Amino acid sequence: MAPENDQGMALDETDALSAPAKRGVGGWLRALGPGLITGAADDDPSGIATYSQAGAQFGLNMLWTMAFTLPLMAAVQMVSARIGRVTGAGLGANMGRVFPRWAVTVLVALLFVANTINIAADLAAMGAAAQLVVGRGGAHVFTLLFGLGSLLLQVFVPYHRYVRFLKWLTLSLFAYVAVIFTVHIDWGQVAARTFAPHLVLNGALMTLVVAVFGTTISPYLFFWQSSQEVEDQEADPDQSALLTAPTQAPQQLRRIRWDTLVGMGFSNLIAFFIILTTAVTLNAAGKTDIQTSVDAAAALQPVAGRFAFLLFSLGIVGTGLLAIPVLAGSAGYAVAEARGWVSGLERKPKSAIGFYAVIGLATLLGFALHDSPLDPIKALFWSAVLNGLISVPIMAAMMIVVGRASVMGPFTAPPLQRLLGWVATLVMAAVALGMFVLR
């Protein structure tokens, strides 16, 4: 095995680095996959609600969170993708090789709970947004259709077929960029508040910061991207896990970096525009009591016009269609890998019964929660907070795994990636602690 440089590439195999580049722009675009979909799914309806709350309550003063979290988020997602591509197994399976089974089970159970609540909130938001746009039909009916459609798609359609559909759905996120062009913005003020916000440190602020960080750096994204690297590798007969095919490492690690940087950059850019949109419209108009993404869409109409309202509402539906499979799928991967079950969206249901049962259970429970007395507004916000809290031990476990030569062989994460990963873990722990200390 040739030595690696500080980016995890073999020094005498640099000719393999140019594989996507030699195919031009089309080659680079085709290299986008797990990272792009993961980043786009991060801006799901519950995330939109959290970002909308941040903009409505604190105006431009929460824009800094997107600039701050981008390098940390990218590093953590690269770690998760690296683990999957190097070992040929998902994050849950690799955590089981290093930690006691009971510890992995606890983490996976917390992930399942958070994902189920997220699914409930997303389905409810999609149904309500569809009703707002269409103007007829009940939100409950739309919610049921979205939930069943997503479930049937995952169970009965091979992943390689509908993944192209998921890629196109990422374009729906540009709705939040388009909204900006419907209102006047003082860009000098935006730049100033992004890098020098005016904030008073208190419990309310720290709770919202935990929610923003938790919906940006979310555990379900770790499990999804890691497992999708495995799915992509298994679907291509010319590819193997890097531990068994080390000559593929330079090209694949380069692709992972490109895919992840584009995906996470795209994710944070959209989140930045959601905060900005609600800051310059709702906060400026004194509408600070925004609890859900649909609240934000409805409040936009009298402030920014019907076009902005339609764009925002359609974006909620599009991102929900993208996020539900990721939320349910990541829960399925996590539980199946932790229990040693067969998993994979390319497999037929009868060959991965446990895996698909978890996906079905998460989706159906999400729908049931949406129709229960549980307050969807509180569930929405606190699911983001829960994500922020459980991300800390999961991130710490990931960083330990990616640094273990017994698991990663010669492909342990390079120093800069490990540094940023541990910094991200400590930051998440600090803001979570701050939420309790300052209450």
Protein backbone atom coordinates (compact mmCIF):
# COMPACT_ATOMS: atom_id res chain seq x y z
CA MET A 1 0.00 0.00 0.00
CA ALA A 2 1.36 3.37 -1.00
CA PRO A 3 1.60 6.02 1.75
CA GLU A 4 -1.20 8.57 1.99
CA ASN A 5 -0.94 12.33 2.06
CA ASP A 6 -2.79 14.53 4.55
CA GLN A 7 -5.99 14.23 2.50
CA GLY A 8 -6.03 10.46 2.63
CA MET A 9 -4.74 9.84 -0.91
CA ALA A 10 -2.00 7.52 -2.08
CA LEU A 11 0.95 9.64 -3.20
CA ASP A 12 1.89 7.49 -6.19
CA GLU A 13 -1.66 7.10 -7.53
CA THR A 14 -2.54 10.70 -8.38
CA ASP A 15 -3.45 9.72 -11.95
CA ALA A 16 -6.67 8.26 -10.60
CA LEU A 17 -7.67 11.60 -9.13
CA SER A 18 -8.67 13.08 -12.44
CA ALA A 19 -11.30 10.46 -13.36
CA PRO A 20 -14.35 12.75 -12.89
CA ALA A 21 -12.45 15.82 -14.11
CA LYS A 22 -11.51 14.17 -17.42
CA ARG A 23 -15.21 13.84 -18.17
CA GLY A 24 -15.72 17.57 -17.71
CA VAL A 25 -18.61 19.23 -15.91
CA GLY A 26 -20.85 16.23 -16.61
CA GLY A 27 -18.38 13.96 -14.83
CA TRP A 28 -18.37 16.14 -11.75
CA LEU A 29 -22.17 16.32 -11.70
CA ARG A 30 -22.51 12.55 -12.04
CA ALA A 31 -20.12 12.18 -9.11
CA LEU A 32 -22.73 13.87 -6.91
CA GLY A 33 -24.83 11.35 -5.03
CA PRO A 34 -24.98 10.44 -1.32
CA GLY A 35 -23.48 13.77 -0.21
CA LEU A 36 -25.82 15.93 -2.31
CA ILE A 37 -28.95 14.05 -1.28
CA THR A 38 -27.84 14.02 2.37
CA GLY A 39 -27.25 17.77 2.35
CA ALA A 40 -30.57 18.51 0.65
CA ALA A 41 -32.47 16.22 3.03
CA ASP A 42 -31.04 18.22 5.92
CA ASP A 43 -33.29 21.13 4.90
CA ASP A 44 -36.46 19.15 5.58
CA PRO A 45 -39.74 20.80 6.74
CA SER A 46 -38.77 20.49 10.41
CA GLY A 47 -35.42 22.11 9.61
CA ILE A 48 -37.19 24.84 7.67
CA ALA A 49 -39.37 25.47 10.72
CA THR A 50 -36.33 25.76 12.99
CA TYR A 51 -34.53 28.11 10.60
CA SER A 52 -37.73 30.13 10.21
CA GLN A 53 -38.00 30.49 13.97
CA ALA A 54 -34.39 31.64 14.10
CA GLY A 55 -34.95 34.33 11.46
CA ALA A 56 -38.32 35.45 12.79
CA GLN A 57 -37.20 35.70 16.43
CA PHE A 58 -33.64 36.98 16.09
CA GLY A 59 -33.57 38.51 12.60
CA LEU A 60 -30.22 38.64 10.86
CA ASN A 61 -28.41 37.80 14.09
CA MET A 62 -28.72 34.03 13.55
CA LEU A 63 -27.08 33.98 10.12
CA TRP A 64 -23.71 33.30 11.75
CA THR A 65 -24.80 29.75 12.61
CA MET A 66 -24.68 28.67 8.95
CA ALA A 67 -21.18 30.02 8.34
CA PHE A 68 -19.98 28.51 11.61
CA THR A 69 -21.44 25.03 11.14
CA LEU A 70 -20.46 24.51 7.48
CA PRO A 71 -16.86 23.26 7.97
CA LEU A 72 -17.87 21.22 11.01
CA MET A 73 -20.82 19.64 9.23
CA ALA A 74 -18.73 18.86 6.15
CA ALA A 75 -16.00 17.20 8.22
CA VAL A 76 -18.44 15.01 10.15
CA GLN A 77 -20.26 13.92 6.99
CA MET A 78 -16.96 13.10 5.28
CA VAL A 79 -16.10 10.92 8.25
CA SER A 80 -19.40 9.03 7.99
CA ALA A 81 -18.98 8.56 4.22
CA ARG A 82 -15.37 7.48 4.66
CA ILE A 83 -16.34 4.80 7.18
CA GLY A 84 -18.90 3.32 4.80
CA ARG A 85 -16.73 3.43 1.67
CA VAL A 86 -13.59 2.07 3.34
CA THR A 87 -15.16 -0.80 5.26
CA GLY A 88 -18.08 -1.70 3.00
CA ALA A 89 -20.39 -1.56 6.03
CA GLY A 90 -22.61 1.13 7.50
CA LEU A 91 -22.05 3.23 10.59
CA GLY A 92 -24.17 1.03 12.86
CA ALA A 93 -22.21 -2.10 11.96
CA ASN A 94 -18.87 -0.39 12.49
CA MET A 95 -19.89 1.08 15.83
CA GLY A 96 -20.83 -2.46 16.88
CA ARG A 97 -17.24 -3.56 16.18
CA VAL A 98 -15.83 -1.05 18.65
CA PHE A 99 -18.48 -0.48 21.35
CA PRO A 100 -20.62 -2.77 23.53
CA ARG A 101 -23.85 -3.86 21.90
CA TRP A 102 -25.98 -2.25 24.63
CA ALA A 103 -24.37 1.15 24.02
CA VAL A 104 -25.00 0.94 20.27
CA THR A 105 -28.58 -0.18 20.93
CA VAL A 106 -29.24 2.86 23.15
CA LEU A 107 -27.86 5.27 20.53
CA VAL A 108 -29.85 3.62 17.75
CA ALA A 109 -33.04 3.69 19.86
CA LEU A 110 -32.62 7.43 20.45
CA LEU A 111 -32.06 7.93 16.73
CA PHE A 112 -35.24 5.98 15.94
CA VAL A 113 -37.29 8.12 18.33
CA ALA A 114 -35.90 11.38 16.94
CA ASN A 115 -36.42 10.23 13.33
CA THR A 116 -40.01 9.14 14.00
CA ILE A 117 -40.87 12.53 15.52
CA ASN A 118 -39.15 14.22 12.57
CA ILE A 119 -41.20 12.14 10.12
CA ALA A 120 -44.40 13.10 11.94
CA ALA A 121 -43.52 16.80 11.81
CA ASP A 122 -42.47 16.63 8.16
CA LEU A 123 -45.60 14.77 7.04
CA ALA A 124 -47.83 17.24 8.89
CA ALA A 125 -46.00 20.19 7.34
CA MET A 126 -46.20 18.71 3.84
CA GLY A 127 -49.94 18.05 4.18
CA ALA A 128 -50.64 21.54 5.49
CA ALA A 129 -48.48 23.16 2.81
CA ALA A 130 -50.20 21.20 0.05
CA GLN A 131 -53.59 22.28 1.36
CA LEU A 132 -52.45 25.91 1.44
CA VAL A 133 -51.27 25.75 -2.18
CA VAL A 134 -54.14 23.71 -3.64
CA GLY A 135 -56.81 25.41 -1.57
CA ARG A 136 -58.95 22.30 -1.43
CA GLY A 137 -58.83 18.86 0.13
CA GLY A 138 -57.90 18.12 3.72
CA ALA A 139 -54.38 18.34 5.04
CA HIS A 140 -54.93 14.91 6.61
CA VAL A 141 -55.55 13.36 3.17
CA PHE A 142 -52.42 14.94 1.70
CA THR A 143 -50.39 13.78 4.70
CA LEU A 144 -51.63 10.20 4.24
CA LEU A 145 -50.81 10.27 0.52
CA PHE A 146 -47.31 11.60 1.10
CA GLY A 147 -46.59 9.03 3.82
CA LEU A 148 -47.90 6.03 1.89
CA GLY A 149 -46.27 7.17 -1.34
CA SER A 150 -42.89 7.49 0.32
CA LEU A 151 -43.21 4.12 2.04
CA LEU A 152 -44.26 2.27 -1.13
CA LEU A 153 -41.44 3.91 -3.05
CA GLN A 154 -38.81 2.70 -0.60
CA VAL A 155 -40.16 -0.83 -0.26
CA PHE A 156 -41.05 -1.72 -3.84
CA VAL A 157 -38.81 0.42 -6.09
CA PRO A 158 -35.05 -0.32 -6.24
CA TYR A 159 -33.02 2.56 -4.91
CA HIS A 160 -30.96 3.05 -8.07
CA ARG A 161 -34.18 3.91 -9.94
CA TYR A 162 -35.68 6.52 -7.64
CA VAL A 163 -32.37 8.05 -6.52
CA ARG A 164 -32.43 10.03 -9.77
CA PHE A 165 -35.79 11.39 -8.74
CA LEU A 166 -34.35 12.38 -5.35
CA LYS A 167 -31.51 14.24 -7.08
CA TRP A 168 -33.97 16.31 -9.10
CA LEU A 169 -35.97 17.08 -5.96
CA THR A 170 -32.97 18.95 -4.60
CA LEU A 171 -33.84 21.70 -7.09
CA SER A 172 -36.97 22.47 -5.04
CA LEU A 173 -34.70 24.02 -2.44
CA PHE A 174 -33.91 26.88 -4.82
CA ALA A 175 -37.40 28.15 -4.00
CA TYR A 176 -35.90 29.67 -0.88
CA VAL A 177 -33.27 31.47 -2.90
CA ALA A 178 -35.92 32.78 -5.30
CA VAL A 179 -37.93 34.28 -2.43
CA ILE A 180 -35.07 36.69 -1.75
CA PHE A 181 -35.60 38.37 -5.11
CA THR A 182 -39.14 39.34 -4.10
CA VAL A 183 -38.03 41.63 -1.26
CA HIS A 184 -35.51 44.41 -0.66
CA ILE A 185 -32.36 43.43 1.24
CA ASP A 186 -29.57 45.54 2.72
CA TRP A 187 -26.66 43.22 1.89
CA GLY A 188 -24.19 45.31 3.84
CA GLN A 189 -26.26 44.74 6.97
CA VAL A 190 -26.50 41.04 6.14
CA ALA A 191 -22.73 40.73 5.95
CA ALA A 192 -22.26 42.70 9.16
CA ARG A 193 -24.73 40.60 11.17
CA THR A 194 -23.41 37.33 9.76
CA PHE A 195 -19.95 37.95 11.17
CA ALA A 196 -20.80 40.31 14.05
CA PRO A 197 -24.26 39.42 15.42
CA HIS A 198 -25.94 41.34 18.24
CA LEU A 199 -27.08 38.70 20.72
CA VAL A 200 -27.86 38.44 24.42
CA LEU A 201 -26.73 35.11 25.85
CA ASN A 202 -29.63 33.45 27.66
CA GLY A 203 -31.56 30.19 27.88
CA ALA A 204 -33.94 30.99 25.02
CA LEU A 205 -31.05 31.76 22.68
CA MET A 206 -29.08 28.64 23.67
CA THR A 207 -32.13 26.39 23.22
CA LEU A 208 -32.64 27.78 19.71
CA VAL A 209 -28.93 27.41 18.93
CA VAL A 210 -29.08 23.75 20.02
CA ALA A 211 -32.14 23.29 17.77
CA VAL A 212 -30.41 24.97 14.81
CA PHE A 213 -27.21 23.00 15.31
CA GLY A 214 -29.20 19.80 15.88
CA THR A 215 -31.20 20.19 12.68
CA THR A 216 -28.02 21.09 10.74
CA ILE A 217 -25.66 18.43 12.12
CA SER A 218 -28.19 15.62 12.52
CA PRO A 219 -27.47 11.98 13.44
CA TYR A 220 -29.75 10.56 10.76
CA LEU A 221 -27.55 12.19 8.13
CA PHE A 222 -24.49 10.32 9.46
CA PHE A 223 -26.16 6.91 9.14
CA TRP A 224 -27.72 7.69 5.75
CA GLN A 225 -24.57 8.89 3.97
CA SER A 226 -22.44 6.07 5.37
CA SER A 227 -24.95 3.44 4.26
CA GLN A 228 -25.46 5.03 0.85
CA GLU A 229 -21.74 4.78 0.18
CA VAL A 230 -22.11 1.06 0.82
CA GLU A 231 -25.19 0.84 -1.43
CA ASP A 232 -23.42 2.63 -4.29
CA GLN A 233 -20.35 0.44 -3.97
CA GLU A 234 -22.40 -2.77 -3.94
CA ALA A 235 -24.43 -1.64 -6.98
CA ASP A 236 -21.30 -1.25 -9.12
CA PRO A 237 -19.52 -4.53 -9.91
CA ASP A 238 -16.31 -2.62 -10.61
CA GLN A 239 -16.19 -1.16 -7.09
CA SER A 240 -15.26 -2.74 -3.76
CA ALA A 241 -14.67 -1.64 -0.20
CA LEU A 242 -11.36 0.22 -0.07
CA LEU A 243 -9.96 -2.24 2.46
CA THR A 244 -10.15 -4.93 -0.23
CA ALA A 245 -9.46 -2.66 -3.23
CA PRO A 246 -6.99 -0.01 -2.00
CA THR A 247 -6.07 1.15 -5.51
CA GLN A 248 -9.54 2.67 -5.80
CA ALA A 249 -8.91 4.89 -2.78
CA PRO A 250 -7.58 8.07 -4.46
CA GLN A 251 -10.49 8.41 -6.87
CA GLN A 252 -13.15 7.43 -4.34
CA LEU A 253 -11.90 9.65 -1.52
CA ARG A 254 -11.69 12.56 -3.92
CA ARG A 255 -15.25 11.90 -5.06
CA ILE A 256 -16.45 11.74 -1.44
CA ARG A 257 -14.84 15.13 -0.69
CA TRP A 258 -16.37 16.75 -3.77
CA ASP A 259 -19.81 15.20 -3.20
CA THR A 260 -19.86 16.08 0.51
CA LEU A 261 -18.56 19.62 0.14
CA VAL A 262 -21.12 20.39 -2.56
CA GLY A 263 -23.94 18.75 -0.59
CA MET A 264 -23.16 20.45 2.71
CA GLY A 265 -22.43 23.78 1.05
CA PHE A 266 -25.77 23.55 -0.75
CA SER A 267 -27.54 22.63 2.50
CA ASN A 268 -26.13 25.53 4.50
CA LEU A 269 -26.63 28.01 1.68
CA ILE A 270 -30.34 27.16 1.53
CA ALA A 271 -30.63 27.32 5.33
CA PHE A 272 -28.89 30.72 5.24
CA PHE A 273 -31.51 31.97 2.77
CA ILE A 274 -34.39 30.61 4.86
CA ILE A 275 -33.12 32.50 7.91
CA LEU A 276 -32.52 35.57 5.76
CA THR A 277 -35.98 35.40 4.14
CA THR A 278 -37.81 35.21 7.46
CA ALA A 279 -35.53 37.83 9.02
CA VAL A 280 -36.12 40.52 6.36
CA THR A 281 -39.84 39.78 6.05
CA LEU A 282 -41.36 38.36 9.23
CA ASN A 283 -38.95 39.75 11.83
CA ALA A 284 -38.94 43.14 10.13
CA ALA A 285 -42.76 43.13 10.22
CA GLY A 286 -42.85 42.14 13.89
CA LYS A 287 -44.10 38.59 13.21
CA THR A 288 -41.81 36.72 15.60
CA ASP A 289 -44.16 33.97 16.80
CA ILE A 290 -43.46 31.46 14.02
CA GLN A 291 -43.68 27.86 15.16
CA THR A 292 -43.79 25.76 11.98
CA SER A 293 -42.69 25.96 8.37
CA VAL A 294 -46.33 26.36 7.32
CA ASP A 295 -46.73 29.28 9.73
CA ALA A 296 -43.79 30.91 7.98
CA ALA A 297 -45.29 30.30 4.53
CA ALA A 298 -48.70 31.67 5.53
CA ALA A 299 -47.18 34.72 7.21
CA LEU A 300 -45.11 35.50 4.11
CA GLN A 301 -48.13 36.10 1.87
CA PRO A 302 -49.28 39.45 3.31
CA VAL A 303 -45.68 40.58 3.87
CA ALA A 304 -43.85 39.49 0.69
CA GLY A 305 -46.69 38.62 -1.69
CA ARG A 306 -48.34 35.48 -3.07
CA PHE A 307 -45.38 34.51 -5.26
CA ALA A 308 -43.08 34.28 -2.23
CA PHE A 309 -45.76 32.34 -0.37
CA LEU A 310 -46.14 29.81 -3.21
CA LEU A 311 -42.39 29.31 -3.56
CA PHE A 312 -41.96 28.76 0.16
CA SER A 313 -44.91 26.35 0.33
CA LEU A 314 -43.84 24.29 -2.68
CA GLY A 315 -40.34 24.09 -1.22
CA ILE A 316 -41.80 22.52 1.94
CA VAL A 317 -43.49 19.76 -0.09
CA GLY A 318 -40.42 19.14 -2.25
CA THR A 319 -38.00 18.92 0.65
CA GLY A 320 -40.40 16.70 2.57
CA LEU A 321 -40.56 14.23 -0.33
CA LEU A 322 -36.76 14.19 -0.27
CA ALA A 323 -36.38 13.93 3.50
CA ILE A 324 -38.94 11.24 4.45
CA PRO A 325 -37.06 8.41 2.66
CA VAL A 326 -33.81 9.59 4.25
CA LEU A 327 -35.29 9.73 7.76
CA ALA A 328 -37.04 6.35 7.53
CA GLY A 329 -34.16 4.78 5.61
CA SER A 330 -31.50 5.92 8.06
CA ALA A 331 -33.54 4.45 10.94
CA GLY A 332 -33.78 1.17 9.03
CA TYR A 333 -30.04 1.09 8.35
CA ALA A 334 -29.14 1.96 11.94
CA VAL A 335 -31.36 -0.68 13.55
CA ALA A 336 -30.59 -3.41 11.01
CA GLU A 337 -26.83 -2.85 11.13
CA ALA A 338 -26.79 -2.72 14.93
CA ARG A 339 -28.75 -6.01 15.10
CA GLY A 340 -26.78 -7.71 12.34
CA TRP A 341 -29.76 -7.93 9.98
CA VAL A 342 -29.58 -7.85 6.20
CA SER A 343 -30.18 -4.29 4.98
CA GLY A 344 -30.26 -2.32 1.77
CA LEU A 345 -32.76 -0.42 -0.36
CA GLU A 346 -31.65 -2.44 -3.39
CA ARG A 347 -32.81 -5.67 -1.75
CA LYS A 348 -36.26 -7.16 -2.19
CA PRO A 349 -38.52 -6.90 0.88
CA LYS A 350 -38.54 -10.66 1.54
CA SER A 351 -34.72 -10.75 1.74
CA ALA A 352 -34.48 -7.88 4.26
CA ILE A 353 -37.66 -8.18 6.30
CA GLY A 354 -36.30 -6.57 9.48
CA PHE A 355 -34.81 -3.62 7.59
CA TYR A 356 -38.03 -2.81 5.73
CA ALA A 357 -40.10 -3.45 8.87
CA VAL A 358 -38.21 -0.68 10.66
CA ILE A 359 -38.73 1.69 7.71
CA GLY A 360 -42.44 0.88 7.68
CA LEU A 361 -42.74 1.23 11.45
CA ALA A 362 -40.98 4.61 11.51
CA THR A 363 -43.20 5.95 8.70
CA LEU A 364 -46.45 4.59 10.14
CA LEU A 365 -45.63 5.78 13.66
CA GLY A 366 -44.79 9.18 12.19
CA PHE A 367 -48.21 9.31 10.57
CA ALA A 368 -49.89 8.14 13.80
CA LEU A 369 -48.07 10.81 15.83
CA HIS A 370 -49.21 13.45 13.35
CA ASP A 371 -52.80 12.38 14.06
CA SER A 372 -52.38 12.10 17.84
CA PRO A 373 -53.02 14.64 20.66
CA LEU A 374 -49.24 15.26 20.76
CA ASP A 375 -48.58 18.94 20.13
CA PRO A 376 -46.89 18.96 16.69
CA ILE A 377 -45.33 22.36 17.32
CA LYS A 378 -43.54 21.23 20.47
CA ALA A 379 -42.65 17.89 18.89
CA LEU A 380 -41.14 19.67 15.91
CA PHE A 381 -38.91 21.95 17.94
CA TRP A 382 -37.87 19.43 20.54
CA SER A 383 -37.03 16.81 17.94
CA ALA A 384 -34.39 19.26 16.70
CA VAL A 385 -33.18 19.75 20.28
CA LEU A 386 -33.12 15.96 20.78
CA ASN A 387 -31.06 15.62 17.61
CA GLY A 388 -28.63 18.17 19.02
CA LEU A 389 -28.28 16.21 22.25
CA ILE A 390 -27.93 12.67 20.83
CA SER A 391 -25.55 13.84 18.13
CA VAL A 392 -22.83 14.30 20.76
CA PRO A 393 -22.31 10.64 21.75
CA ILE A 394 -22.89 9.46 18.16
CA MET A 395 -20.31 11.91 16.80
CA ALA A 396 -17.83 10.89 19.50
CA ALA A 397 -18.37 7.23 18.58
CA MET A 398 -17.83 8.03 14.89
CA MET A 399 -14.58 9.84 15.58
CA ILE A 400 -13.29 6.91 17.61
CA VAL A 401 -14.23 4.45 14.84
CA VAL A 402 -12.63 6.49 12.03
CA GLY A 403 -9.38 6.72 14.01
CA ARG A 404 -9.13 2.95 14.66
CA ALA A 405 -6.69 1.18 12.35
CA SER A 406 -8.28 -2.11 13.41
CA VAL A 407 -11.46 -0.96 11.62
CA MET A 408 -10.19 1.43 8.93
CA GLY A 409 -6.86 -0.18 8.10
CA PRO A 410 -4.56 2.38 6.41
CA PHE A 411 -7.54 4.66 5.69
CA THR A 412 -8.06 6.29 9.06
CA ALA A 413 -9.17 9.90 8.73
CA PRO A 414 -6.40 12.45 8.04
CA PRO A 415 -5.41 14.84 10.88
CA LEU A 416 -7.39 17.88 9.68
CA GLN A 417 -10.56 15.86 9.26
CA ARG A 418 -10.17 14.34 12.71
CA LEU A 419 -9.49 17.75 14.25
CA LEU A 420 -12.60 19.31 12.70
CA GLY A 421 -14.66 16.26 13.65
CA TRP A 422 -13.66 16.47 17.30
CA VAL A 423 -14.14 20.25 17.32
CA ALA A 424 -17.66 19.71 15.96
CA THR A 425 -18.33 17.16 18.71
CA LEU A 426 -17.09 19.51 21.43
CA VAL A 427 -19.09 22.43 20.01
CA MET A 428 -22.29 20.37 20.03
CA ALA A 429 -21.58 19.28 23.60
CA ALA A 430 -20.89 22.87 24.69
CA VAL A 431 -24.10 24.34 23.26
CA ALA A 432 -26.14 21.46 24.72
CA LEU A 433 -24.60 22.08 28.14
CA GLY A 434 -25.15 25.82 27.74
CA MET A 435 -28.86 25.23 27.13
CA PHE A 436 -29.23 23.60 30.56
CA VAL A 437 -26.88 25.95 32.44
CA LEU A 438 -28.54 29.13 31.17
CA ARG A 439 -32.17 28.07 31.60
